[in-house]
Structure formats: structure tokens, C-alpha cells
Amino acid sequence: MIICTGCGTKNDDEARFCEECGRKLQSSRRTAPTGASPGAPLSRFRHQGIAPGTRTSLWRMAEAWAYVLMLAVVGAVCVVREVWWPLYPAVALLGLIAWLRRI
């Protein structure tokens, strides 16, 4: 029997989604490591601080927003001056930079 983590409804072991709320069900059992019983429940999750790679992903997100800001500035200048041609190379250049940086 699997208990839904969202609403607490008891569901059959074969069910993949909760019958009450439709949330995906996760089994509390795991494959047994060497020397453990096969039906042992999982150990409780403990937060270990910032996950590895989170700082780099936040940096990449900030970098992407900086590119969007640069594009907005070029767009605002184009609107004020009513000249649209600088927008085309700016979009191409910022798109190329984002693609090369794998953002």
C-alpha cells in the first residue's frame, strides 16, 4: 500500500498516480543494498545546504537575464529613435553569445 504524499490517501501498490488527487506516487521502498532486507524503508531525507551546481546555475540564470536586459535597452533605444535596424544584429549577436555559452 502506497500513501500519497500530497493528500494522504492510501493507494494500491500497483498504482502510479493517486486515486484522490492524481499526484504521482513514489514508493517508500528501495532496492536492497548488500546486507539489508529488500523491504527496508528509505531513510529520511536531510537537507545538506546548497546542492552542488546550484551556484553555477544561478550565475547562468543571472547571465541570461543580463542578455535580456541588454536586448531591452537596444529595443528601447530603437523605439525612441524610431530606427529599427540595430535591433536585428543585436538579436543575432546576443543569440549567438547565448548559444556559444550554452545558456
Protein backbone atom coordinates (compact mmCIF):
# COMPACT_ATOMS: atom_id res chain seq x y z
CA MET A 1 0.00 0.00 0.00
CA ILE A 2 1.36 3.41 -1.01
CA ILE A 3 0.29 6.57 0.83
CA CYS A 4 0.08 9.74 -1.25
CA THR A 5 2.45 12.47 -0.05
CA GLY A 6 0.02 15.14 -1.23
CA CYS A 7 -3.33 14.16 0.28
CA GLY A 8 -2.55 11.12 2.47
CA THR A 9 -4.86 8.72 0.58
CA LYS A 10 -3.93 5.03 0.66
CA ASN A 11 -3.46 3.57 -2.82
CA ASP A 12 -2.70 0.10 -4.22
CA ASP A 13 0.94 -0.93 -4.66
CA GLU A 14 0.50 -1.11 -8.45
CA ALA A 15 -0.95 2.42 -8.71
CA ARG A 16 1.26 5.04 -10.33
CA PHE A 17 -0.96 8.03 -9.52
CA CYS A 18 -3.10 8.88 -6.50
CA GLU A 19 -6.75 7.91 -6.92
CA GLU A 20 -7.86 11.01 -4.96
CA CYS A 21 -5.67 13.91 -6.14
CA GLY A 22 -3.95 12.45 -9.23
CA ARG A 23 -0.42 13.14 -7.95
CA LYS A 24 2.41 10.80 -8.99
CA LEU A 25 3.08 8.23 -6.29
CA GLN A 26 6.56 7.37 -5.04
CA SER A 27 7.35 4.10 -3.36
CA SER A 28 8.92 4.24 0.10
CA ARG A 29 10.81 1.03 -0.64
CA ARG A 30 14.15 0.70 -2.34
CA THR A 31 16.34 -1.97 -3.80
CA ALA A 32 18.26 -3.59 -1.02
CA PRO A 33 21.94 -2.75 -0.71
CA THR A 34 24.23 -5.58 0.26
CA GLY A 35 23.38 -6.90 3.70
CA ALA A 36 19.99 -5.12 4.04
CA SER A 37 16.49 -6.55 3.84
CA PRO A 38 14.76 -5.94 0.47
CA GLY A 39 11.67 -4.28 2.01
CA ALA A 40 13.50 -1.74 4.18
CA PRO A 41 12.04 1.79 4.05
CA LEU A 42 14.12 4.68 2.77
CA SER A 43 15.98 6.81 5.27
CA ARG A 44 14.58 10.26 5.95
CA PHE A 45 15.89 13.00 3.66
CA ARG A 46 18.17 15.57 5.28
CA HIS A 47 18.90 18.86 3.59
CA GLN A 48 22.64 19.31 3.07
CA GLY A 49 22.66 23.02 2.20
CA ILE A 50 23.06 24.32 -1.34
CA ALA A 51 23.20 21.49 -3.84
CA PRO A 52 26.32 21.18 -5.98
CA GLY A 53 25.92 23.12 -9.19
CA THR A 54 23.23 25.44 -7.83
CA ARG A 55 25.56 28.42 -7.68
CA THR A 56 26.63 27.89 -11.28
CA SER A 57 23.03 27.55 -12.42
CA LEU A 58 22.12 30.78 -10.58
CA TRP A 59 25.08 32.51 -12.23
CA ARG A 60 23.97 31.26 -15.66
CA MET A 61 20.44 32.48 -14.98
CA ALA A 62 21.76 35.92 -14.00
CA GLU A 63 23.86 35.98 -17.16
CA ALA A 64 20.82 35.13 -19.28
CA TRP A 65 18.83 37.93 -17.64
CA ALA A 66 21.71 40.32 -18.36
CA TYR A 67 21.43 39.43 -22.05
CA VAL A 68 17.69 40.05 -21.93
CA LEU A 69 18.32 43.41 -20.27
CA MET A 70 20.84 44.35 -22.99
CA LEU A 71 18.29 43.43 -25.65
CA ALA A 72 15.63 45.52 -23.88
CA VAL A 73 17.96 48.53 -23.81
CA VAL A 74 18.67 48.18 -27.53
CA GLY A 75 14.93 47.83 -28.15
CA ALA A 76 14.16 50.94 -26.09
CA VAL A 77 16.76 52.95 -28.00
CA CYS A 78 15.24 51.73 -31.27
CA VAL A 79 11.76 52.81 -30.14
CA VAL A 80 12.95 56.26 -29.05
CA ARG A 81 14.94 56.93 -32.22
CA GLU A 82 12.43 55.13 -34.46
CA VAL A 83 15.27 53.29 -36.21
CA TRP A 84 14.83 49.52 -36.21
CA TRP A 85 17.91 48.15 -37.97
CA PRO A 86 20.16 47.98 -34.83
CA LEU A 87 17.73 45.52 -33.29
CA TYR A 88 18.45 42.82 -35.91
CA PRO A 89 22.22 42.49 -35.34
CA ALA A 90 21.71 42.84 -31.56
CA VAL A 91 19.32 39.88 -31.51
CA ALA A 92 21.67 37.84 -33.70
CA LEU A 93 24.75 38.72 -31.63
CA LEU A 94 23.12 38.07 -28.25
CA GLY A 95 21.60 34.84 -29.56
CA LEU A 96 24.99 33.69 -30.80
CA ILE A 97 26.65 34.56 -27.48
CA ALA A 98 23.94 32.71 -25.52
CA TRP A 99 24.26 29.69 -27.83
CA LEU A 100 28.05 29.58 -27.56
CA ARG A 101 27.88 29.94 -23.77
CA ARG A 102 25.23 27.15 -23.73
CA ILE A 103 22.68 29.22 -21.84
